[in-house]
PDB file of N, CA and C in Angstrom:
ATOM      1  N   MET A   1      92.008  59.887  42.857  1.00  0.00           N
ATOM      2  CA  MET A   1      92.779  60.505  43.905  1.00  0.00           C
ATOM      3  C   MET A   1      91.823  61.165  44.901  1.00  0.00           C
ATOM      4  N   ALA A   2      91.869  60.740  46.124  1.00  0.00           N
ATOM      5  CA  ALA A   2      91.015  61.292  47.171  1.00  0.00           C
ATOM      6  C   ALA A   2      91.839  62.205  48.060  1.00  0.00           C
ATOM      7  N   GLY A   3      91.197  63.153  48.609  1.00  0.00           N
ATOM      8  CA  GLY A   3      91.908  64.065  49.511  1.00  0.00           C
ATOM      9  C   GLY A   3      91.017  65.210  49.926  1.00  0.00           C
ATOM     10  N   TYR A   4      91.601  66.085  50.647  1.00  0.00           N
ATOM     11  CA  TYR A   4      90.879  67.259  51.113  1.00  0.00           C
ATOM     12  C   TYR A   4      91.225  68.445  50.235  1.00  0.00           C
ATOM     13  N   HIS A   5      90.251  69.291  50.071  1.00  0.00           N
ATOM     14  CA  HIS A   5      90.455  70.508  49.272  1.00  0.00           C
ATOM     15  C   HIS A   5      90.729  71.654  50.225  1.00  0.00           C
ATOM     16  N   THR A   6      91.973  71.753  50.646  1.00  0.00           N
ATOM     17  CA  THR A   6      92.328  72.742  51.653  1.00  0.00           C
ATOM     18  C   THR A   6      92.274  74.170  51.114  1.00  0.00           C
ATOM     19  N   ARG A   7      92.247  74.295  49.805  1.00  0.00           N
ATOM     20  CA  ARG A   7      92.193  75.644  49.243  1.00  0.00           C
ATOM     21  C   ARG A   7      90.771  76.164  49.140  1.00  0.00           C
ATOM     22  N   TRP A   8      89.791  75.309  49.344  1.00  0.00           N
ATOM     23  CA  TRP A   8      88.414  75.779  49.312  1.00  0.00           C
ATOM     24  C   TRP A   8      88.145  76.567  50.585  1.00  0.00           C
ATOM     25  N   ALA A   9      87.517  77.647  50.445  1.00  0.00           N
ATOM     26  CA  ALA A   9      87.191  78.460  51.614  1.00  0.00           C
ATOM     27  C   ALA A   9      85.714  78.831  51.565  1.00  0.00           C
ATOM     28  N   ARG A  10      85.090  78.799  52.697  1.00  0.00           N
ATOM     29  CA  ARG A  10      83.695  79.221  52.777  1.00  0.00           C
ATOM     30  C   ARG A  10      83.657  80.739  52.675  1.00  0.00           C
ATOM     31  N   PRO A  11      82.684  81.248  51.974  1.00  0.00           N
ATOM     32  CA  PRO A  11      82.578  82.701  51.908  1.00  0.00           C
ATOM     33  C   PRO A  11      82.262  83.266  53.290  1.00  0.00           C
ATOM     34  N   GLU A  12      82.814  84.418  53.546  1.00  0.00           N
ATOM     35  CA  GLU A  12      82.583  85.068  54.834  1.00  0.00           C
ATOM     36  C   GLU A  12      81.110  85.479  54.934  1.00  0.00           C
ATOM     37  N   VAL A  13      80.493  85.165  56.048  1.00  0.00           N
ATOM     38  CA  VAL A  13      79.095  85.523  56.271  1.00  0.00           C
ATOM     39  C   VAL A  13      79.067  86.892  56.937  1.00  0.00           C
ATOM     40  N   ARG A  14      78.420  87.823  56.273  1.00  0.00           N
ATOM     41  CA  ARG A  14      78.301  89.169  56.823  1.00  0.00           C
ATOM     42  C   ARG A  14      76.875  89.344  57.349  1.00  0.00           C
ATOM     43  N   PRO A  15      76.722  89.598  58.630  1.00  0.00           N
ATOM     44  CA  PRO A  15      75.373  89.728  59.188  1.00  0.00           C
ATOM     45  C   PRO A  15      74.600  90.920  58.629  1.00  0.00           C
ATOM     46  N   ASP A  16      75.292  91.898  58.068  1.00  0.00           N
ATOM     47  CA  ASP A  16      74.619  93.075  57.521  1.00  0.00           C
ATOM     48  C   ASP A  16      74.371  92.961  56.013  1.00  0.00           C
ATOM     49  N   ASP A  17      74.505  91.762  55.465  1.00  0.00           N
ATOM     50  CA  ASP A  17      74.284  91.537  54.044  1.00  0.00           C
ATOM     51  C   ASP A  17      72.808  91.800  53.722  1.00  0.00           C
ATOM     52  N   PRO A  18      72.491  92.734  52.832  1.00  0.00           N
ATOM     53  CA  PRO A  18      71.093  93.077  52.534  1.00  0.00           C
ATOM     54  C   PRO A  18      70.253  91.891  52.067  1.00  0.00           C
ATOM     55  N   GLU A  19      70.836  90.988  51.319  1.00  0.00           N
ATOM     56  CA  GLU A  19      70.083  89.817  50.859  1.00  0.00           C
ATOM     57  C   GLU A  19      69.721  88.916  52.030  1.00  0.00           C
ATOM     58  N   ARG A  20      70.651  88.727  52.940  1.00  0.00           N
ATOM     59  CA  ARG A  20      70.405  87.902  54.127  1.00  0.00           C
ATOM     60  C   ARG A  20      69.322  88.548  54.993  1.00  0.00           C
ATOM     61  N   ILE A  21      69.373  89.860  55.165  1.00  0.00           N
ATOM     62  CA  ILE A  21      68.378  90.583  55.960  1.00  0.00           C
ATOM     63  C   ILE A  21      66.994  90.449  55.326  1.00  0.00           C
ATOM     64  N   ALA A  22      66.904  90.584  54.007  1.00  0.00           N
ATOM     65  CA  ALA A  22      65.616  90.458  53.313  1.00  0.00           C
ATOM     66  C   ALA A  22      65.022  89.067  53.510  1.00  0.00           C
ATOM     67  N   ILE A  23      65.851  88.051  53.459  1.00  0.00           N
ATOM     68  CA  ILE A  23      65.381  86.677  53.675  1.00  0.00           C
ATOM     69  C   ILE A  23      64.887  86.509  55.106  1.00  0.00           C
ATOM     70  N   GLN A  24      65.633  87.024  56.072  1.00  0.00           N
ATOM     71  CA  GLN A  24      65.230  86.913  57.474  1.00  0.00           C
ATOM     72  C   GLN A  24      63.916  87.648  57.733  1.00  0.00           C
ATOM     73  N   GLU A  25      63.748  88.817  57.117  1.00  0.00           N
ATOM     74  CA  GLU A  25      62.504  89.576  57.293  1.00  0.00           C
ATOM     75  C   GLU A  25      61.316  88.835  56.688  1.00  0.00           C
ATOM     76  N   ALA A  26      61.516  88.239  55.514  1.00  0.00           N
ATOM     77  CA  ALA A  26      60.432  87.490  54.877  1.00  0.00           C
ATOM     78  C   ALA A  26      60.050  86.277  55.716  1.00  0.00           C
ATOM     79  N   LEU A  27      61.036  85.590  56.281  1.00  0.00           N
ATOM     80  CA  LEU A  27      60.754  84.435  57.132  1.00  0.00           C
ATOM     81  C   LEU A  27      60.030  84.848  58.415  1.00  0.00           C
ATOM     82  N   ALA A  28      60.463  85.950  59.027  1.00  0.00           N
ATOM     83  CA  ALA A  28      59.819  86.438  60.246  1.00  0.00           C
ATOM     84  C   ALA A  28      58.373  86.831  59.971  1.00  0.00           C
ATOM     85  N   PHE A  29      58.124  87.490  58.853  1.00  0.00           N
ATOM     86  CA  PHE A  29      56.779  87.895  58.472  1.00  0.00           C
ATOM     87  C   PHE A  29      55.907  86.663  58.236  1.00  0.00           C
ATOM     88  N   GLY A  30      56.426  85.693  57.511  1.00  0.00           N
ATOM     89  CA  GLY A  30      55.675  84.469  57.241  1.00  0.00           C
ATOM     90  C   GLY A  30      55.319  83.725  58.510  1.00  0.00           C
ATOM     91  N   LYS A  31      56.263  83.645  59.434  1.00  0.00           N
ATOM     92  CA  LYS A  31      56.010  82.969  60.711  1.00  0.00           C
ATOM     93  C   LYS A  31      54.936  83.715  61.491  1.00  0.00           C
ATOM     94  N   ALA A  32      54.990  85.043  61.499  1.00  0.00           N
ATOM     95  CA  ALA A  32      54.004  85.840  62.234  1.00  0.00           C
ATOM     96  C   ALA A  32      52.602  85.628  61.667  1.00  0.00           C
ATOM     97  N   VAL A  33      52.486  85.593  60.355  1.00  0.00           N
ATOM     98  CA  VAL A  33      51.180  85.358  59.725  1.00  0.00           C
ATOM     99  C   VAL A  33      50.682  83.957  60.076  1.00  0.00           C
ATOM    100  N   TYR A  34      51.551  82.979  59.953  1.00  0.00           N
ATOM    101  CA  TYR A  34      51.174  81.595  60.285  1.00  0.00           C
ATOM    102  C   TYR A  34      50.726  81.485  61.739  1.00  0.00           C
ATOM    103  N   ASP A  35      51.520  82.056  62.648  1.00  0.00           N
ATOM    104  CA  ASP A  35      51.196  81.974  64.078  1.00  0.00           C
ATOM    105  C   ASP A  35      49.838  82.605  64.376  1.00  0.00           C
ATOM    106  N   ARG A  36      49.582  83.778  63.810  1.00  0.00           N
ATOM    107  CA  ARG A  36      48.308  84.457  64.066  1.00  0.00           C
ATOM    108  C   ARG A  36      47.146  83.684  63.430  1.00  0.00           C
ATOM    109  N   ARG A  37      47.343  83.204  62.203  1.00  0.00           N
ATOM    110  CA  ARG A  37      46.286  82.447  61.517  1.00  0.00           C
ATOM    111  C   ARG A  37      45.899  81.214  62.322  1.00  0.00           C
ATOM    112  N   THR A  38      46.907  80.484  62.787  1.00  0.00           N
ATOM    113  CA  THR A  38      46.607  79.261  63.527  1.00  0.00           C
ATOM    114  C   THR A  38      46.014  79.567  64.902  1.00  0.00           C
ATOM    115  N   SER A  39      46.399  80.677  65.509  1.00  0.00           N
ATOM    116  CA  SER A  39      45.811  81.029  66.806  1.00  0.00           C
ATOM    117  C   SER A  39      44.335  81.399  66.654  1.00  0.00           C
ATOM    118  N   LEU A  40      43.954  81.879  65.463  1.00  0.00           N
ATOM    119  CA  LEU A  40      42.557  82.182  65.183  1.00  0.00           C
ATOM    120  C   LEU A  40      41.796  80.967  64.649  1.00  0.00           C
ATOM    121  N   HIS A  41      42.500  79.848  64.488  1.00  0.00           N
ATOM    122  CA  HIS A  41      41.928  78.605  63.960  1.00  0.00           C
ATOM    123  C   HIS A  41      41.368  78.808  62.544  1.00  0.00           C
ATOM    124  N   LEU A  42      42.106  79.590  61.753  1.00  0.00           N
ATOM    125  CA  LEU A  42      41.720  79.820  60.361  1.00  0.00           C
ATOM    126  C   LEU A  42      42.495  78.887  59.449  1.00  0.00           C
ATOM    127  N   THR A  43      41.861  78.436  58.401  1.00  0.00           N
ATOM    128  CA  THR A  43      42.573  77.683  57.368  1.00  0.00           C
ATOM    129  C   THR A  43      43.229  78.688  56.431  1.00  0.00           C
ATOM    130  N   VAL A  44      44.118  78.204  55.598  1.00  0.00           N
ATOM    131  CA  VAL A  44      44.748  79.064  54.594  1.00  0.00           C
ATOM    132  C   VAL A  44      43.673  79.636  53.672  1.00  0.00           C
ATOM    133  N   GLU A  45      42.712  78.819  53.326  1.00  0.00           N
ATOM    134  CA  GLU A  45      41.626  79.255  52.448  1.00  0.00           C
ATOM    135  C   GLU A  45      40.817  80.385  53.083  1.00  0.00           C
ATOM    136  N   GLU A  46      40.522  80.251  54.371  1.00  0.00           N
ATOM    137  CA  GLU A  46      39.753  81.283  55.068  1.00  0.00           C
ATOM    138  C   GLU A  46      40.521  82.601  55.139  1.00  0.00           C
ATOM    139  N   LEU A  47      41.826  82.525  55.428  1.00  0.00           N
ATOM    140  CA  LEU A  47      42.631  83.750  55.465  1.00  0.00           C
ATOM    141  C   LEU A  47      42.724  84.368  54.077  1.00  0.00           C
ATOM    142  N   ALA A  48      42.896  83.545  53.070  1.00  0.00           N
ATOM    143  CA  ALA A  48      42.963  84.063  51.702  1.00  0.00           C
ATOM    144  C   ALA A  48      41.682  84.816  51.361  1.00  0.00           C
ATOM    145  N   GLN A  49      40.550  84.271  51.753  1.00  0.00           N
ATOM    146  CA  GLN A  49      39.273  84.933  51.487  1.00  0.00           C
ATOM    147  C   GLN A  49      39.181  86.251  52.251  1.00  0.00           C
ATOM    148  N   ARG A  50      39.565  86.248  53.518  1.00  0.00           N
ATOM    149  CA  ARG A  50      39.547  87.474  54.321  1.00  0.00           C
ATOM    150  C   ARG A  50      40.446  88.555  53.724  1.00  0.00           C
ATOM    151  N   ALA A  51      41.593  88.127  53.214  1.00  0.00           N
ATOM    152  CA  ALA A  51      42.582  89.072  52.701  1.00  0.00           C
ATOM    153  C   ALA A  51      42.354  89.440  51.239  1.00  0.00           C
ATOM    154  N   GLY A  52      41.433  88.733  50.575  1.00  0.00           N
ATOM    155  CA  GLY A  52      41.219  88.988  49.154  1.00  0.00           C
ATOM    156  C   GLY A  52      42.421  88.571  48.319  1.00  0.00           C
ATOM    157  N   MET A  53      43.043  87.485  48.740  1.00  0.00           N
ATOM    158  CA  MET A  53      44.234  86.979  48.064  1.00  0.00           C
ATOM    159  C   MET A  53      43.998  85.530  47.652  1.00  0.00           C
ATOM    160  N   ALA A  54      44.877  85.026  46.812  1.00  0.00           N
ATOM    161  CA  ALA A  54      44.820  83.624  46.410  1.00  0.00           C
ATOM    162  C   ALA A  54      45.467  82.754  47.491  1.00  0.00           C
ATOM    163  N   VAL A  55      45.020  81.521  47.575  1.00  0.00           N
ATOM    164  CA  VAL A  55      45.592  80.572  48.526  1.00  0.00           C
ATOM    165  C   VAL A  55      47.098  80.448  48.299  1.00  0.00           C
ATOM    166  N   ASP A  56      47.526  80.387  47.055  1.00  0.00           N
ATOM    167  CA  ASP A  56      48.958  80.284  46.735  1.00  0.00           C
ATOM    168  C   ASP A  56      49.744  81.469  47.285  1.00  0.00           C
ATOM    169  N   GLU A  57      49.143  82.645  47.255  1.00  0.00           N
ATOM    170  CA  GLU A  57      49.829  83.833  47.778  1.00  0.00           C
ATOM    171  C   GLU A  57      50.022  83.738  49.288  1.00  0.00           C
ATOM    172  N   ILE A  58      49.001  83.259  49.993  1.00  0.00           N
ATOM    173  CA  ILE A  58      49.111  83.102  51.446  1.00  0.00           C
ATOM    174  C   ILE A  58      50.154  82.039  51.776  1.00  0.00           C
ATOM    175  N   GLU A  59      50.132  80.934  51.056  1.00  0.00           N
ATOM    176  CA  GLU A  59      51.119  79.868  51.295  1.00  0.00           C
ATOM    177  C   GLU A  59      52.533  80.377  51.049  1.00  0.00           C
ATOM    178  N   CYS A  60      52.729  81.117  49.977  1.00  0.00           N
ATOM    179  CA  CYS A  60      54.049  81.675  49.667  1.00  0.00           C
ATOM    180  C   CYS A  60      54.488  82.636  50.760  1.00  0.00           C
ATOM    181  N   LEU A  61      53.569  83.443  51.210  1.00  0.00           N
ATOM    182  CA  LEU A  61      53.851  84.403  52.270  1.00  0.00           C
ATOM    183  C   LEU A  61      54.273  83.673  53.548  1.00  0.00           C
ATOM    184  N   GLU A  62      53.517  82.664  53.950  1.00  0.00           N
ATOM    185  CA  GLU A  62      53.823  81.924  55.184  1.00  0.00           C
ATOM    186  C   GLU A  62      55.133  81.152  55.086  1.00  0.00           C
ATOM    187  N   GLU A  63      55.549  80.802  53.902  1.00  0.00           N
ATOM    188  CA  GLU A  63      56.805  80.072  53.716  1.00  0.00           C
ATOM    189  C   GLU A  63      58.008  81.005  53.636  1.00  0.00           C
ATOM    190  N   GLY A  64      57.770  82.310  53.749  1.00  0.00           N
ATOM    191  CA  GLY A  64      58.885  83.261  53.704  1.00  0.00           C
ATOM    192  C   GLY A  64      59.273  83.664  52.308  1.00  0.00           C
ATOM    193  N   GLY A  65      58.386  83.474  51.351  1.00  0.00           N
ATOM    194  CA  GLY A  65      58.700  83.793  49.963  1.00  0.00           C
ATOM    195  C   GLY A  65      58.212  85.153  49.510  1.00  0.00           C
ATOM    196  N   THR A  66      57.707  85.966  50.442  1.00  0.00           N
ATOM    197  CA  THR A  66      57.171  87.269  50.094  1.00  0.00           C
ATOM    198  C   THR A  66      57.870  88.343  50.906  1.00  0.00           C
ATOM    199  N   THR A  67      58.400  89.333  50.242  1.00  0.00           N
ATOM    200  CA  THR A  67      59.047  90.441  50.932  1.00  0.00           C
ATOM    201  C   THR A  67      57.977  91.308  51.589  1.00  0.00           C
ATOM    202  N   PRO A  68      58.071  91.511  52.896  1.00  0.00           N
ATOM    203  CA  PRO A  68      57.057  92.323  53.564  1.00  0.00           C
ATOM    204  C   PRO A  68      57.227  93.809  53.236  1.00  0.00           C
ATOM    205  N   THR A  69      56.132  94.433  52.893  1.00  0.00           N
ATOM    206  CA  THR A  69      56.111  95.879  52.684  1.00  0.00           C
ATOM    207  C   THR A  69      55.166  96.465  53.722  1.00  0.00           C
ATOM    208  N   VAL A  70      55.224  97.757  53.908  1.00  0.00           N
ATOM    209  CA  VAL A  70      54.329  98.398  54.869  1.00  0.00           C
ATOM    210  C   VAL A  70      52.878  98.160  54.461  1.00  0.00           C
ATOM    211  N   ALA A  71      52.588  98.300  53.181  1.00  0.00           N
ATOM    212  CA  ALA A  71      51.221  98.083  52.711  1.00  0.00           C
ATOM    213  C   ALA A  71      50.758  96.650  52.972  1.00  0.00           C
ATOM    214  N   LEU A  72      51.629  95.673  52.737  1.00  0.00           N
ATOM    215  CA  LEU A  72      51.265  94.278  52.965  1.00  0.00           C
ATOM    216  C   LEU A  72      51.097  93.994  54.462  1.00  0.00           C
ATOM    217  N   LEU A  73      51.955  94.560  55.289  1.00  0.00           N
ATOM    218  CA  LEU A  73      51.815  94.398  56.738  1.00  0.00           C
ATOM    219  C   LEU A  73      50.461  94.919  57.201  1.00  0.00           C
ATOM    220  N   ARG A  74      50.080  96.087  56.723  1.00  0.00           N
ATOM    221  CA  ARG A  74      48.784  96.664  57.098  1.00  0.00           C
ATOM    222  C   ARG A  74      47.624  95.805  56.588  1.00  0.00           C
ATOM    223  N   HIS A  75      47.743  95.352  55.375  1.00  0.00           N
ATOM    224  CA  HIS A  75      46.692  94.531  54.769  1.00  0.00           C
ATOM    225  C   HIS A  75      46.488  93.234  55.553  1.00  0.00           C
ATOM    226  N   MET A  76      47.577  92.574  55.894  1.00  0.00           N
ATOM    227  CA  MET A  76      47.479  91.313  56.626  1.00  0.00           C
ATOM    228  C   MET A  76      47.012  91.555  58.057  1.00  0.00           C
ATOM    229  N   ALA A  77      47.421  92.660  58.669  1.00  0.00           N
ATOM    230  CA  ALA A  77      46.947  92.976  60.015  1.00  0.00           C
ATOM    231  C   ALA A  77      45.430  93.135  60.018  1.00  0.00           C
ATOM    232  N   ALA A  78      44.898  93.801  59.001  1.00  0.00           N
ATOM    233  CA  ALA A  78      43.451  93.969  58.906  1.00  0.00           C
ATOM    234  C   ALA A  78      42.764  92.619  58.709  1.00  0.00           C
ATOM    235  N   ALA A  79      43.307  91.771  57.847  1.00  0.00           N
ATOM    236  CA  ALA A  79      42.718  90.455  57.591  1.00  0.00           C
ATOM    237  C   ALA A  79      42.787  89.553  58.818  1.00  0.00           C
ATOM    238  N   LEU A  80      43.780  89.783  59.659  1.00  0.00           N
ATOM    239  CA  LEU A  80      43.961  88.964  60.855  1.00  0.00           C
ATOM    240  C   LEU A  80      43.378  89.618  62.114  1.00  0.00           C
ATOM    241  N   ASP A  81      42.641  90.711  61.941  1.00  0.00           N
ATOM    242  CA  ASP A  81      42.039  91.432  63.071  1.00  0.00           C
ATOM    243  C   ASP A  81      43.064  91.707  64.162  1.00  0.00           C
ATOM    244  N   ALA A  82      44.177  92.297  63.780  1.00  0.00           N
ATOM    245  CA  ALA A  82      45.263  92.508  64.733  1.00  0.00           C
ATOM    246  C   ALA A  82      46.047  93.759  64.381  1.00  0.00           C
ATOM    247  N   ASP A  83      46.920  94.127  65.299  1.00  0.00           N
ATOM    248  CA  ASP A  83      47.901  95.176  65.067  1.00  0.00           C
ATOM    249  C   ASP A  83      49.227  94.482  64.816  1.00  0.00           C
ATOM    250  N   VAL A  84      50.012  95.031  63.920  1.00  0.00           N
ATOM    251  CA  VAL A  84      51.322  94.443  63.643  1.00  0.00           C
ATOM    252  C   VAL A  84      52.354  95.110  64.544  1.00  0.00           C
ATOM    253  N   ARG A  85      53.271  94.324  65.045  1.00  0.00           N
ATOM    254  CA  ARG A  85      54.347  94.810  65.912  1.00  0.00           C
ATOM    255  C   ARG A  85      55.693  94.410  65.304  1.00  0.00           C
ATOM    256  N   LEU A  86      56.644  95.322  65.398  1.00  0.00           N
ATOM    257  CA  LEU A  86      57.984  95.090  64.848  1.00  0.00           C
ATOM    258  C   LEU A  86      59.035  95.463  65.876  1.00  0.00           C
ATOM    259  N   THR A  87      60.138  94.737  65.860  1.00  0.00           N
ATOM    260  CA  THR A  87      61.298  95.133  66.645  1.00  0.00           C
ATOM    261  C   THR A  87      62.408  95.488  65.676  1.00  0.00           C
ATOM    262  N   SER A  88      63.487  95.987  66.201  1.00  0.00           N
ATOM    263  CA  SER A  88      64.581  96.417  65.334  1.00  0.00           C
ATOM    264  C   SER A  88      65.414  95.258  64.784  1.00  0.00           C
ATOM    265  N   GLY A  89      65.258  94.075  65.326  1.00  0.00           N
ATOM    266  CA  GLY A  89      66.040  92.928  64.863  1.00  0.00           C
ATOM    267  C   GLY A  89      65.472  92.312  63.601  1.00  0.00           C
ATOM    268  N   HIS A  90      66.132  91.280  63.126  1.00  0.00           N
ATOM    269  CA  HIS A  90      65.690  90.575  61.923  1.00  0.00           C
ATOM    270  C   HIS A  90      65.472  89.091  62.200  1.00  0.00           C
ATOM    271  N   ASP A  91      65.360  88.720  63.468  1.00  0.00           N
ATOM    272  CA  ASP A  91      65.183  87.308  63.792  1.00  0.00           C
ATOM    273  C   ASP A  91      63.717  86.912  63.637  1.00  0.00           C
ATOM    274  N   LEU A  92      63.413  85.636  63.844  1.00  0.00           N
ATOM    275  CA  LEU A  92      62.060  85.129  63.632  1.00  0.00           C
ATOM    276  C   LEU A  92      61.021  85.766  64.547  1.00  0.00           C
ATOM    277  N   GLY A  93      61.438  86.291  65.675  1.00  0.00           N
ATOM    278  CA  GLY A  93      60.499  86.921  66.585  1.00  0.00           C
ATOM    279  C   GLY A  93      60.383  88.417  66.415  1.00  0.00           C
ATOM    280  N   SER A  94      60.914  88.961  65.345  1.00  0.00           N
ATOM    281  CA  SER A  94      60.940  90.413  65.168  1.00  0.00           C
ATOM    282  C   SER A  94      59.648  90.990  64.602  1.00  0.00           C
ATOM    283  N   VAL A  95      58.735  90.136  64.171  1.00  0.00           N
ATOM    284  CA  VAL A  95      57.432  90.569  63.656  1.00  0.00           C
ATOM    285  C   VAL A  95      56.372  89.697  64.313  1.00  0.00           C
ATOM    286  N   TRP A  96      55.285  90.321  64.782  1.00  0.00           N
ATOM    287  CA  TRP A  96      54.178  89.544  65.305  1.00  0.00           C
ATOM    288  C   TRP A  96      52.902  90.366  65.214  1.00  0.00           C
ATOM    289  N   PHE A  97      51.790  89.673  65.349  1.00  0.00           N
ATOM    290  CA  PHE A  97      50.478  90.303  65.317  1.00  0.00           C
ATOM    291  C   PHE A  97      49.865  90.194  66.702  1.00  0.00           C
ATOM    292  N   GLU A  98      49.299  91.303  67.185  1.00  0.00           N
ATOM    293  CA  GLU A  98      48.654  91.352  68.486  1.00  0.00           C
ATOM    294  C   GLU A  98      47.177  91.676  68.306  1.00  0.00           C
ATOM    295  N   THR A  99      46.354  91.060  69.136  1.00  0.00           N
ATOM    296  CA  THR A  99      44.939  91.360  69.116  1.00  0.00           C
ATOM    297  C   THR A  99      44.739  92.847  69.364  1.00  0.00           C
ATOM    298  N   HIS A 100      43.770  93.443  68.646  1.00  0.00           N
ATOM    299  CA  HIS A 100      43.471  94.860  68.844  1.00  0.00           C
ATOM    300  C   HIS A 100      43.191  95.129  70.313  1.00  0.00           C
ATOM    301  N   ALA A 101      43.663  96.259  70.799  1.00  0.00           N
ATOM    302  CA  ALA A 101      43.382  96.659  72.168  1.00  0.00           C
ATOM    303  C   ALA A 101      41.894  96.983  72.304  1.00  0.00           C
ATOM    304  N   ALA A 102      41.317  96.589  73.400  1.00  0.00           N
ATOM    305  CA  ALA A 102      39.877  96.808  73.612  1.00  0.00           C
ATOM    306  C   ALA A 102      39.564  98.240  73.981  1.00  0.00           C
TER     307      ALA A 102
END
């Protein structure tokens, strides 16, 4: 018997869901690290060495699998020779690294 399941309902998406926000923050942080690393022409291995981390940790971070903490933001900013910038949003552009001011 084929048909439509009209009683199935998609769960309501709440933009303020803490789990959703945590995922968005991790993705934004990973993108910011990737963008800065590639702008410096660093390999994952080179960044891992600079940061004193394992290559797997950097890869996980860049893929959005690491929850950003203040300590980690500072650590990565130092490894990337940059200042970290944040906005109040949770979109992909809400975290970025800027070259130190001269």
